Amino acid sequence: MNETLDQWAAGIAAHDPKAVAALFTEDAIFQGLRPYGVGRDAVAEYYDSQPRGLTAKYDVLETRQLADDLLLLYLTVDFSFTDRPTITVNLSVLLNKGLIAHYQVSRL
């Protein structure tokens, strides 16, 4: 769980959209702070459009083991920028065999 999230945060900080997208399933449903997309290409496009210097600091609030290889996580995430205030969001993530299959952000 934390390995995937740590790699996700590291990929964001490195501005490496392909590395971030590789942490998602091929058919992942991705909802950031704009209209949703499906699949790794949509994830890579979203993170490629984010500004350099963006970082993500997360705190896992709740987890639910739904099946052997299926884990639901509920987090808060602080997305920090170099040129504007930090945005704090709630994030729900569904991990399937360690890859993100569903990603849903909501602003507080």
PDB file of N, CA and C in Angstrom:
ATOM      1  N   MET A   1       0.829  -1.188   0.000  1.00  0.00           N
ATOM      2  CA  MET A   1       0.000   0.000   0.000  1.00  0.00           C
ATOM      3  C   MET A   1       0.875   1.254   0.000  1.00  0.00           C
ATOM      4  N   ASN A   2       1.672   1.431   1.046  1.00  0.00           N
ATOM      5  CA  ASN A   2       2.498   2.637   1.122  1.00  0.00           C
ATOM      6  C   ASN A   2       3.536   2.689   0.017  1.00  0.00           C
ATOM      7  N   GLU A   3       4.010   1.542  -0.449  1.00  0.00           N
ATOM      8  CA  GLU A   3       4.984   1.536  -1.543  1.00  0.00           C
ATOM      9  C   GLU A   3       4.393   2.185  -2.787  1.00  0.00           C
ATOM     10  N   THR A   4       3.177   1.813  -3.130  1.00  0.00           N
ATOM     11  CA  THR A   4       2.516   2.396  -4.303  1.00  0.00           C
ATOM     12  C   THR A   4       2.312   3.893  -4.107  1.00  0.00           C
ATOM     13  N   LEU A   5       1.816   4.276  -2.937  1.00  0.00           N
ATOM     14  CA  LEU A   5       1.571   5.698  -2.673  1.00  0.00           C
ATOM     15  C   LEU A   5       2.867   6.492  -2.620  1.00  0.00           C
ATOM     16  N   ASP A   6       3.904   5.913  -2.039  1.00  0.00           N
ATOM     17  CA  ASP A   6       5.199   6.598  -2.011  1.00  0.00           C
ATOM     18  C   ASP A   6       5.748   6.801  -3.424  1.00  0.00           C
ATOM     19  N   GLN A   7       5.594   5.801  -4.285  1.00  0.00           N
ATOM     20  CA  GLN A   7       6.042   5.920  -5.675  1.00  0.00           C
ATOM     21  C   GLN A   7       5.205   6.955  -6.421  1.00  0.00           C
ATOM     22  N   TRP A   8       3.906   6.991  -6.131  1.00  0.00           N
ATOM     23  CA  TRP A   8       3.013   7.983  -6.731  1.00  0.00           C
ATOM     24  C   TRP A   8       3.483   9.395  -6.366  1.00  0.00           C
ATOM     25  N   ALA A   9       3.722   9.631  -5.076  1.00  0.00           N
ATOM     26  CA  ALA A   9       4.181  10.955  -4.620  1.00  0.00           C
ATOM     27  C   ALA A   9       5.547  11.298  -5.209  1.00  0.00           C
ATOM     28  N   ALA A  10       6.436  10.315  -5.284  1.00  0.00           N
ATOM     29  CA  ALA A  10       7.768  10.555  -5.854  1.00  0.00           C
ATOM     30  C   ALA A  10       7.683  10.892  -7.338  1.00  0.00           C
ATOM     31  N   GLY A  11       6.816  10.208  -8.068  1.00  0.00           N
ATOM     32  CA  GLY A  11       6.634  10.492  -9.492  1.00  0.00           C
ATOM     33  C   GLY A  11       6.082  11.887  -9.736  1.00  0.00           C
ATOM     34  N   ILE A  12       5.177  12.317  -8.860  1.00  0.00           N
ATOM     35  CA  ILE A  12       4.644  13.679  -8.962  1.00  0.00           C
ATOM     36  C   ILE A  12       5.762  14.686  -8.715  1.00  0.00           C
ATOM     37  N   ALA A  13       6.522  14.490  -7.642  1.00  0.00           N
ATOM     38  CA  ALA A  13       7.597  15.424  -7.294  1.00  0.00           C
ATOM     39  C   ALA A  13       8.667  15.495  -8.383  1.00  0.00           C
ATOM     40  N   ALA A  14       8.906  14.372  -9.070  1.00  0.00           N
ATOM     41  CA  ALA A  14       9.904  14.327 -10.144  1.00  0.00           C
ATOM     42  C   ALA A  14       9.339  14.811 -11.478  1.00  0.00           C
ATOM     43  N   HIS A  15       8.051  15.156 -11.496  1.00  0.00           N
ATOM     44  CA  HIS A  15       7.333  15.498 -12.733  1.00  0.00           C
ATOM     45  C   HIS A  15       7.588  14.426 -13.799  1.00  0.00           C
ATOM     46  N   ASP A  16       7.262  13.182 -13.418  1.00  0.00           N
ATOM     47  CA  ASP A  16       7.441  12.022 -14.296  1.00  0.00           C
ATOM     48  C   ASP A  16       6.081  11.363 -14.524  1.00  0.00           C
ATOM     49  N   PRO A  17       5.265  11.928 -15.438  1.00  0.00           N
ATOM     50  CA  PRO A  17       3.911  11.431 -15.655  1.00  0.00           C
ATOM     51  C   PRO A  17       3.852   9.953 -16.039  1.00  0.00           C
ATOM     52  N   LYS A  18       4.828   9.468 -16.787  1.00  0.00           N
ATOM     53  CA  LYS A  18       4.817   8.061 -17.193  1.00  0.00           C
ATOM     54  C   LYS A  18       5.043   7.145 -15.998  1.00  0.00           C
ATOM     55  N   ALA A  19       5.918   7.554 -15.072  1.00  0.00           N
ATOM     56  CA  ALA A  19       6.145   6.753 -13.866  1.00  0.00           C
ATOM     57  C   ALA A  19       4.889   6.724 -13.001  1.00  0.00           C
ATOM     58  N   VAL A  20       4.212   7.849 -12.898  1.00  0.00           N
ATOM     59  CA  VAL A  20       2.961   7.894 -12.133  1.00  0.00           C
ATOM     60  C   VAL A  20       1.927   6.995 -12.806  1.00  0.00           C
ATOM     61  N   ALA A  21       1.775   7.120 -14.108  1.00  0.00           N
ATOM     62  CA  ALA A  21       0.773   6.333 -14.836  1.00  0.00           C
ATOM     63  C   ALA A  21       1.035   4.833 -14.731  1.00  0.00           C
ATOM     64  N   ALA A  22       2.289   4.432 -14.627  1.00  0.00           N
ATOM     65  CA  ALA A  22       2.628   3.010 -14.522  1.00  0.00           C
ATOM     66  C   ALA A  22       2.119   2.391 -13.223  1.00  0.00           C
ATOM     67  N   LEU A  23       1.745   3.219 -12.253  1.00  0.00           N
ATOM     68  CA  LEU A  23       1.213   2.728 -10.985  1.00  0.00           C
ATOM     69  C   LEU A  23      -0.278   2.445 -11.050  1.00  0.00           C
ATOM     70  N   PHE A  24      -0.889   2.721 -12.195  1.00  0.00           N
ATOM     71  CA  PHE A  24      -2.321   2.533 -12.399  1.00  0.00           C
ATOM     72  C   PHE A  24      -2.567   1.318 -13.287  1.00  0.00           C
ATOM     73  N   THR A  25      -3.739   0.698 -13.133  1.00  0.00           N
ATOM     74  CA  THR A  25      -4.119  -0.404 -14.020  1.00  0.00           C
ATOM     75  C   THR A  25      -4.378   0.159 -15.413  1.00  0.00           C
ATOM     76  N   GLU A  26      -4.338  -0.713 -16.396  1.00  0.00           N
ATOM     77  CA  GLU A  26      -4.570  -0.298 -17.794  1.00  0.00           C
ATOM     78  C   GLU A  26      -5.924   0.386 -17.974  1.00  0.00           C
ATOM     79  N   ASP A  27      -6.930  -0.034 -17.180  1.00  0.00           N
ATOM     80  CA  ASP A  27      -8.290   0.494 -17.324  1.00  0.00           C
ATOM     81  C   ASP A  27      -8.725   1.331 -16.122  1.00  0.00           C
ATOM     82  N   ALA A  28      -7.779   1.912 -15.422  1.00  0.00           N
ATOM     83  CA  ALA A  28      -8.087   2.684 -14.211  1.00  0.00           C
ATOM     84  C   ALA A  28      -9.042   3.834 -14.513  1.00  0.00           C
ATOM     85  N   ILE A  29      -9.950   4.064 -13.585  1.00  0.00           N
ATOM     86  CA  ILE A  29     -10.811   5.242 -13.624  1.00  0.00           C
ATOM     87  C   ILE A  29     -10.110   6.305 -12.797  1.00  0.00           C
ATOM     88  N   PHE A  30      -9.856   7.457 -13.413  1.00  0.00           N
ATOM     89  CA  PHE A  30      -9.070   8.512 -12.774  1.00  0.00           C
ATOM     90  C   PHE A  30      -9.878   9.798 -12.737  1.00  0.00           C
ATOM     91  N   GLN A  31     -10.131  10.306 -11.532  1.00  0.00           N
ATOM     92  CA  GLN A  31     -10.818  11.588 -11.356  1.00  0.00           C
ATOM     93  C   GLN A  31      -9.958  12.501 -10.517  1.00  0.00           C
ATOM     94  N   GLY A  32      -9.248  13.410 -11.178  1.00  0.00           N
ATOM     95  CA  GLY A  32      -8.507  14.446 -10.473  1.00  0.00           C
ATOM     96  C   GLY A  32      -9.425  15.633 -10.256  1.00  0.00           C
ATOM     97  N   LEU A  33      -8.905  16.835 -10.393  1.00  0.00           N
ATOM     98  CA  LEU A  33      -9.724  18.032 -10.194  1.00  0.00           C
ATOM     99  C   LEU A  33     -10.272  18.591 -11.501  1.00  0.00           C
ATOM    100  N   ARG A  34     -10.398  17.746 -12.486  1.00  0.00           N
ATOM    101  CA  ARG A  34     -11.054  18.117 -13.744  1.00  0.00           C
ATOM    102  C   ARG A  34     -11.727  16.853 -14.283  1.00  0.00           C
ATOM    103  N   PRO A  35     -12.437  16.910 -15.402  1.00  0.00           N
ATOM    104  CA  PRO A  35     -13.182  15.732 -15.864  1.00  0.00           C
ATOM    105  C   PRO A  35     -12.344  14.451 -15.870  1.00  0.00           C
ATOM    106  N   TYR A  36     -13.034  13.358 -15.608  1.00  0.00           N
ATOM    107  CA  TYR A  36     -12.358  12.075 -15.432  1.00  0.00           C
ATOM    108  C   TYR A  36     -11.805  11.531 -16.737  1.00  0.00           C
ATOM    109  N   GLY A  37     -10.893  10.571 -16.593  1.00  0.00           N
ATOM    110  CA  GLY A  37     -10.340   9.848 -17.727  1.00  0.00           C
ATOM    111  C   GLY A  37     -10.209   8.382 -17.358  1.00  0.00           C
ATOM    112  N   VAL A  38      -9.931   7.572 -18.350  1.00  0.00           N
ATOM    113  CA  VAL A  38      -9.790   6.134 -18.134  1.00  0.00           C
ATOM    114  C   VAL A  38      -8.462   5.685 -18.742  1.00  0.00           C
ATOM    115  N   GLY A  39      -7.700   4.950 -17.953  1.00  0.00           N
ATOM    116  CA  GLY A  39      -6.474   4.347 -18.437  1.00  0.00           C
ATOM    117  C   GLY A  39      -5.224   5.159 -18.154  1.00  0.00           C
ATOM    118  N   ARG A  40      -4.101   4.517 -18.396  1.00  0.00           N
ATOM    119  CA  ARG A  40      -2.804   5.116 -18.098  1.00  0.00           C
ATOM    120  C   ARG A  40      -2.526   6.369 -18.916  1.00  0.00           C
ATOM    121  N   ASP A  41      -2.985   6.391 -20.167  1.00  0.00           N
ATOM    122  CA  ASP A  41      -2.751   7.592 -20.984  1.00  0.00           C
ATOM    123  C   ASP A  41      -3.430   8.811 -20.374  1.00  0.00           C
ATOM    124  N   ALA A  42      -4.640   8.629 -19.860  1.00  0.00           N
ATOM    125  CA  ALA A  42      -5.364   9.742 -19.228  1.00  0.00           C
ATOM    126  C   ALA A  42      -4.635  10.208 -17.970  1.00  0.00           C
ATOM    127  N   VAL A  43      -4.100   9.268 -17.200  1.00  0.00           N
ATOM    128  CA  VAL A  43      -3.351   9.612 -15.985  1.00  0.00           C
ATOM    129  C   VAL A  43      -2.086  10.385 -16.360  1.00  0.00           C
ATOM    130  N   ALA A  44      -1.346   9.882 -17.347  1.00  0.00           N
ATOM    131  CA  ALA A  44      -0.111  10.544 -17.774  1.00  0.00           C
ATOM    132  C   ALA A  44      -0.406  11.951 -18.293  1.00  0.00           C
ATOM    133  N   GLU A  45      -1.465  12.099 -19.064  1.00  0.00           N
ATOM    134  CA  GLU A  45      -1.829  13.418 -19.595  1.00  0.00           C
ATOM    135  C   GLU A  45      -2.153  14.389 -18.461  1.00  0.00           C
ATOM    136  N   TYR A  46      -2.889  13.914 -17.483  1.00  0.00           N
ATOM    137  CA  TYR A  46      -3.251  14.762 -16.341  1.00  0.00           C
ATOM    138  C   TYR A  46      -1.993  15.247 -15.606  1.00  0.00           C
ATOM    139  N   TYR A  47      -1.118  14.317 -15.257  1.00  0.00           N
ATOM    140  CA  TYR A  47       0.068  14.707 -14.491  1.00  0.00           C
ATOM    141  C   TYR A  47       1.086  15.472 -15.338  1.00  0.00           C
ATOM    142  N   ASP A  48       1.097  15.263 -16.634  1.00  0.00           N
ATOM    143  CA  ASP A  48       1.969  16.050 -17.501  1.00  0.00           C
ATOM    144  C   ASP A  48       1.538  17.514 -17.508  1.00  0.00           C
ATOM    145  N   SER A  49       0.234  17.752 -17.322  1.00  0.00           N
ATOM    146  CA  SER A  49      -0.284  19.122 -17.334  1.00  0.00           C
ATOM    147  C   SER A  49      -0.072  19.847 -16.000  1.00  0.00           C
ATOM    148  N   GLN A  50       0.379  19.133 -14.986  1.00  0.00           N
ATOM    149  CA  GLN A  50       0.602  19.749 -13.676  1.00  0.00           C
ATOM    150  C   GLN A  50       1.935  20.510 -13.678  1.00  0.00           C
ATOM    151  N   PRO A  51       2.026  21.560 -12.885  1.00  0.00           N
ATOM    152  CA  PRO A  51       3.247  22.372 -12.903  1.00  0.00           C
ATOM    153  C   PRO A  51       4.438  21.659 -12.258  1.00  0.00           C
ATOM    154  N   ARG A  52       5.607  21.952 -12.750  1.00  0.00           N
ATOM    155  CA  ARG A  52       6.833  21.442 -12.121  1.00  0.00           C
ATOM    156  C   ARG A  52       6.918  22.001 -10.712  1.00  0.00           C
ATOM    157  N   GLY A  53       7.470  21.217  -9.815  1.00  0.00           N
ATOM    158  CA  GLY A  53       7.574  21.625  -8.425  1.00  0.00           C
ATOM    159  C   GLY A  53       6.403  21.184  -7.570  1.00  0.00           C
ATOM    160  N   LEU A  54       5.373  20.591  -8.195  1.00  0.00           N
ATOM    161  CA  LEU A  54       4.229  20.069  -7.450  1.00  0.00           C
ATOM    162  C   LEU A  54       4.674  18.901  -6.581  1.00  0.00           C
ATOM    163  N   THR A  55       4.219  18.872  -5.350  1.00  0.00           N
ATOM    164  CA  THR A  55       4.477  17.743  -4.460  1.00  0.00           C
ATOM    165  C   THR A  55       3.177  17.301  -3.829  1.00  0.00           C
ATOM    166  N   ALA A  56       3.141  16.042  -3.395  1.00  0.00           N
ATOM    167  CA  ALA A  56       1.966  15.470  -2.743  1.00  0.00           C
ATOM    168  C   ALA A  56       2.393  14.833  -1.425  1.00  0.00           C
ATOM    169  N   LYS A  57       1.813  15.320  -0.350  1.00  0.00           N
ATOM    170  CA  LYS A  57       2.050  14.726   0.966  1.00  0.00           C
ATOM    171  C   LYS A  57       0.724  14.125   1.422  1.00  0.00           C
ATOM    172  N   TYR A  58       0.727  12.823   1.681  1.00  0.00           N
ATOM    173  CA  TYR A  58      -0.534  12.153   2.001  1.00  0.00           C
ATOM    174  C   TYR A  58      -0.538  11.592   3.408  1.00  0.00           C
ATOM    175  N   ASP A  59      -1.765  11.383   3.898  1.00  0.00           N
ATOM    176  CA  ASP A  59      -1.987  10.739   5.193  1.00  0.00           C
ATOM    177  C   ASP A  59      -3.154   9.770   5.011  1.00  0.00           C
ATOM    178  N   VAL A  60      -2.899   8.493   5.213  1.00  0.00           N
ATOM    179  CA  VAL A  60      -3.951   7.483   5.083  1.00  0.00           C
ATOM    180  C   VAL A  60      -4.827   7.541   6.325  1.00  0.00           C
ATOM    181  N   LEU A  61      -6.121   7.791   6.119  1.00  0.00           N
ATOM    182  CA  LEU A  61      -7.069   7.885   7.232  1.00  0.00           C
ATOM    183  C   LEU A  61      -7.779   6.561   7.501  1.00  0.00           C
ATOM    184  N   GLU A  62      -8.127   5.844   6.453  1.00  0.00           N
ATOM    185  CA  GLU A  62      -8.874   4.592   6.594  1.00  0.00           C
ATOM    186  C   GLU A  62      -8.453   3.612   5.514  1.00  0.00           C
ATOM    187  N   THR A  63      -8.489   2.339   5.836  1.00  0.00           N
ATOM    188  CA  THR A  63      -8.278   1.279   4.851  1.00  0.00           C
ATOM    189  C   THR A  63      -9.334   0.202   5.068  1.00  0.00           C
ATOM    190  N   ARG A  64      -9.702  -0.440   3.978  1.00  0.00           N
ATOM    191  CA  ARG A  64     -10.635  -1.570   4.029  1.00  0.00           C
ATOM    192  C   ARG A  64     -10.122  -2.629   3.056  1.00  0.00           C
ATOM    193  N   GLN A  65      -9.868  -3.826   3.568  1.00  0.00           N
ATOM    194  CA  GLN A  65      -9.468  -4.958   2.729  1.00  0.00           C
ATOM    195  C   GLN A  65     -10.742  -5.567   2.162  1.00  0.00           C
ATOM    196  N   LEU A  66     -10.999  -5.357   0.874  1.00  0.00           N
ATOM    197  CA  LEU A  66     -12.241  -5.826   0.256  1.00  0.00           C
ATOM    198  C   LEU A  66     -12.138  -7.255  -0.245  1.00  0.00           C
ATOM    199  N   ALA A  67     -10.948  -7.688  -0.592  1.00  0.00           N
ATOM    200  CA  ALA A  67     -10.655  -9.052  -1.037  1.00  0.00           C
ATOM    201  C   ALA A  67      -9.147  -9.229  -0.912  1.00  0.00           C
ATOM    202  N   ASP A  68      -8.654 -10.425  -1.208  1.00  0.00           N
ATOM    203  CA  ASP A  68      -7.227 -10.694  -1.041  1.00  0.00           C
ATOM    204  C   ASP A  68      -6.341  -9.655  -1.730  1.00  0.00           C
ATOM    205  N   ASP A  69      -6.667  -9.285  -2.946  1.00  0.00           N
ATOM    206  CA  ASP A  69      -5.833  -8.365  -3.722  1.00  0.00           C
ATOM    207  C   ASP A  69      -6.482  -7.007  -3.945  1.00  0.00           C
ATOM    208  N   LEU A  70      -7.490  -6.690  -3.145  1.00  0.00           N
ATOM    209  CA  LEU A  70      -8.258  -5.469  -3.365  1.00  0.00           C
ATOM    210  C   LEU A  70      -8.328  -4.665  -2.063  1.00  0.00           C
ATOM    211  N   LEU A  71      -7.763  -3.446  -2.094  1.00  0.00           N
ATOM    212  CA  LEU A  71      -7.684  -2.611  -0.907  1.00  0.00           C
ATOM    213  C   LEU A  71      -8.236  -1.221  -1.211  1.00  0.00           C
ATOM    214  N   LEU A  72      -9.160  -0.766  -0.371  1.00  0.00           N
ATOM    215  CA  LEU A  72      -9.728   0.575  -0.487  1.00  0.00           C
ATOM    216  C   LEU A  72      -9.038   1.471   0.525  1.00  0.00           C
ATOM    217  N   LEU A  73      -8.592   2.652   0.072  1.00  0.00           N
ATOM    218  CA  LEU A  73      -7.920   3.609   0.947  1.00  0.00           C
ATOM    219  C   LEU A  73      -8.642   4.944   0.887  1.00  0.00           C
ATOM    220  N   TYR A  74      -8.680   5.606   2.020  1.00  0.00           N
ATOM    221  CA  TYR A  74      -9.223   6.955   2.105  1.00  0.00           C
ATOM    222  C   TYR A  74      -8.137   7.824   2.728  1.00  0.00           C
ATOM    223  N   LEU A  75      -7.751   8.897   2.041  1.00  0.00           N
ATOM    224  CA  LEU A  75      -6.610   9.715   2.452  1.00  0.00           C
ATOM    225  C   LEU A  75      -6.954  11.197   2.417  1.00  0.00           C
ATOM    226  N   THR A  76      -6.108  11.979   3.061  1.00  0.00           N
ATOM    227  CA  THR A  76      -6.035  13.403   2.779  1.00  0.00           C
ATOM    228  C   THR A  76      -4.694  13.616   2.085  1.00  0.00           C
ATOM    229  N   VAL A  77      -4.689  14.541   1.163  1.00  0.00           N
ATOM    230  CA  VAL A  77      -3.460  14.853   0.426  1.00  0.00           C
ATOM    231  C   VAL A  77      -3.308  16.363   0.356  1.00  0.00           C
ATOM    232  N   ASP A  78      -2.111  16.822   0.676  1.00  0.00           N
ATOM    233  CA  ASP A  78      -1.744  18.222   0.473  1.00  0.00           C
ATOM    234  C   ASP A  78      -0.912  18.293  -0.797  1.00  0.00           C
ATOM    235  N   PHE A  79      -1.459  18.947  -1.819  1.00  0.00           N
ATOM    236  CA  PHE A  79      -0.713  19.201  -3.049  1.00  0.00           C
ATOM    237  C   PHE A  79      -0.113  20.597  -2.917  1.00  0.00           C
ATOM    238  N   SER A  80       1.214  20.660  -2.884  1.00  0.00           N
ATOM    239  CA  SER A  80       1.918  21.931  -2.713  1.00  0.00           C
ATOM    240  C   SER A  80       2.538  22.371  -4.029  1.00  0.00           C
ATOM    241  N   PHE A  81       2.486  23.667  -4.254  1.00  0.00           N
ATOM    242  CA  PHE A  81       2.980  24.291  -5.476  1.00  0.00           C
ATOM    243  C   PHE A  81       4.096  25.267  -5.126  1.00  0.00           C
ATOM    244  N   THR A  82       4.856  25.658  -6.110  1.00  0.00           N
ATOM    245  CA  THR A  82       5.924  26.643  -5.874  1.00  0.00           C
ATOM    246  C   THR A  82       5.401  28.073  -5.930  1.00  0.00           C
ATOM    247  N   ASP A  83       4.239  28.272  -6.570  1.00  0.00           N
ATOM    248  CA  ASP A  83       3.778  29.634  -6.838  1.00  0.00           C
ATOM    249  C   ASP A  83       2.364  29.945  -6.367  1.00  0.00           C
ATOM    250  N   ARG A  84       1.760  29.045  -5.588  1.00  0.00           N
ATOM    251  CA  ARG A  84       0.400  29.289  -5.094  1.00  0.00           C
ATOM    252  C   ARG A  84       0.159  28.466  -3.831  1.00  0.00           C
ATOM    253  N   PRO A  85      -0.939  28.742  -3.153  1.00  0.00           N
ATOM    254  CA  PRO A  85      -1.202  28.037  -1.899  1.00  0.00           C
ATOM    255  C   PRO A  85      -1.420  26.523  -2.106  1.00  0.00           C
ATOM    256  N   THR A  86      -1.137  25.782  -1.062  1.00  0.00           N
ATOM    257  CA  THR A  86      -1.358  24.340  -1.034  1.00  0.00           C
ATOM    258  C   THR A  86      -2.854  24.049  -1.145  1.00  0.00           C
ATOM    259  N   ILE A  87      -3.175  22.989  -1.870  1.00  0.00           N
ATOM    260  CA  ILE A  87      -4.552  22.507  -1.978  1.00  0.00           C
ATOM    261  C   ILE A  87      -4.652  21.205  -1.185  1.00  0.00           C
ATOM    262  N   THR A  88      -5.602  21.146  -0.259  1.00  0.00           N
ATOM    263  CA  THR A  88      -5.847  19.924   0.499  1.00  0.00           C
ATOM    264  C   THR A  88      -7.098  19.257  -0.062  1.00  0.00           C
ATOM    265  N   VAL A  89      -6.980  17.969  -0.353  1.00  0.00           N
ATOM    266  CA  VAL A  89      -8.096  17.213  -0.924  1.00  0.00           C
ATOM    267  C   VAL A  89      -8.302  15.922  -0.141  1.00  0.00           C
ATOM    268  N   ASN A  90      -9.468  15.348  -0.333  1.00  0.00           N
ATOM    269  CA  ASN A  90      -9.733  13.980   0.094  1.00  0.00           C
ATOM    270  C   ASN A  90      -9.513  13.103  -1.123  1.00  0.00           C
ATOM    271  N   LEU A  91      -8.988  11.914  -0.908  1.00  0.00           N
ATOM    272  CA  LEU A  91      -8.696  11.007  -2.014  1.00  0.00           C
ATOM    273  C   LEU A  91      -9.128   9.599  -1.638  1.00  0.00           C
ATOM    274  N   SER A  92      -9.904   8.982  -2.500  1.00  0.00           N
ATOM    275  CA  SER A  92     -10.234   7.565  -2.376  1.00  0.00           C
ATOM    276  C   SER A  92      -9.492   6.821  -3.466  1.00  0.00           C
ATOM    277  N   VAL A  93      -8.829   5.741  -3.086  1.00  0.00           N
ATOM    278  CA  VAL A  93      -8.039   4.946  -4.015  1.00  0.00           C
ATOM    279  C   VAL A  93      -8.404   3.480  -3.818  1.00  0.00           C
ATOM    280  N   LEU A  94      -8.567   2.788  -4.913  1.00  0.00           N
ATOM    281  CA  LEU A  94      -8.780   1.349  -4.884  1.00  0.00           C
ATOM    282  C   LEU A  94      -7.557   0.692  -5.496  1.00  0.00           C
ATOM    283  N   LEU A  95      -6.835  -0.089  -4.697  1.00  0.00           N
ATOM    284  CA  LEU A  95      -5.656  -0.806  -5.182  1.00  0.00           C
ATOM    285  C   LEU A  95      -6.046  -2.227  -5.541  1.00  0.00           C
ATOM    286  N   ASN A  96      -5.692  -2.633  -6.746  1.00  0.00           N
ATOM    287  CA  ASN A  96      -5.922  -3.987  -7.222  1.00  0.00           C
ATOM    288  C   ASN A  96      -4.556  -4.605  -7.504  1.00  0.00           C
ATOM    289  N   LYS A  97      -4.159  -5.547  -6.675  1.00  0.00           N
ATOM    290  CA  LYS A  97      -2.841  -6.181  -6.791  1.00  0.00           C
ATOM    291  C   LYS A  97      -1.726  -5.126  -6.769  1.00  0.00           C
ATOM    292  N   GLY A  98      -1.898  -4.109  -5.945  1.00  0.00           N
ATOM    293  CA  GLY A  98      -0.875  -3.089  -5.773  1.00  0.00           C
ATOM    294  C   GLY A  98      -0.907  -1.964  -6.786  1.00  0.00           C
ATOM    295  N   LEU A  99      -1.791  -2.037  -7.782  1.00  0.00           N
ATOM    296  CA  LEU A  99      -1.932  -0.963  -8.769  1.00  0.00           C
ATOM    297  C   LEU A  99      -3.229  -0.208  -8.517  1.00  0.00           C
ATOM    298  N   ILE A 100      -3.226   1.060  -8.851  1.00  0.00           N
ATOM    299  CA  ILE A 100      -4.401   1.900  -8.626  1.00  0.00           C
ATOM    300  C   ILE A 100      -5.424   1.640  -9.731  1.00  0.00           C
ATOM    301  N   ALA A 101      -6.594   1.144  -9.336  1.00  0.00           N
ATOM    302  CA  ALA A 101      -7.662   0.844 -10.290  1.00  0.00           C
ATOM    303  C   ALA A 101      -8.721   1.943 -10.319  1.00  0.00           C
ATOM    304  N   HIS A 102      -8.809   2.695  -9.235  1.00  0.00           N
ATOM    305  CA  HIS A 102      -9.769   3.796  -9.149  1.00  0.00           C
ATOM    306  C   HIS A 102      -9.162   4.883  -8.279  1.00  0.00           C
ATOM    307  N   TYR A 103      -9.300   6.143  -8.724  1.00  0.00           N
ATOM    308  CA  TYR A 103      -8.704   7.304  -8.052  1.00  0.00           C
ATOM    309  C   TYR A 103      -9.736   8.412  -8.107  1.00  0.00           C
ATOM    310  N   GLN A 104     -10.216   8.877  -6.950  1.00  0.00           N
ATOM    311  CA  GLN A 104     -11.281   9.878  -6.895  1.00  0.00           C
ATOM    312  C   GLN A 104     -10.898  10.969  -5.904  1.00  0.00           C
ATOM    313  N   VAL A 105     -10.691  12.180  -6.410  1.00  0.00           N
ATOM    314  CA  VAL A 105     -10.349  13.337  -5.578  1.00  0.00           C
ATOM    315  C   VAL A 105     -11.588  14.176  -5.341  1.00  0.00           C
ATOM    316  N   SER A 106     -11.693  14.731  -4.123  1.00  0.00           N
ATOM    317  CA  SER A 106     -12.686  15.755  -3.839  1.00  0.00           C
ATOM    318  C   SER A 106     -12.038  16.834  -2.993  1.00  0.00           C
ATOM    319  N   ARG A 107     -12.388  18.074  -3.282  1.00  0.00           N
ATOM    320  CA  ARG A 107     -11.839  19.186  -2.502  1.00  0.00           C
ATOM    321  C   ARG A 107     -12.591  19.294  -1.196  1.00  0.00           C
ATOM    322  N   LEU A 108     -11.907  19.755  -0.195  1.00  0.00           N
ATOM    323  CA  LEU A 108     -12.533  19.957   1.124  1.00  0.00           C
ATOM    324  C   LEU A 108     -13.371  21.211   1.116  1.00  0.00           C
TER     325      LEU A 108
END
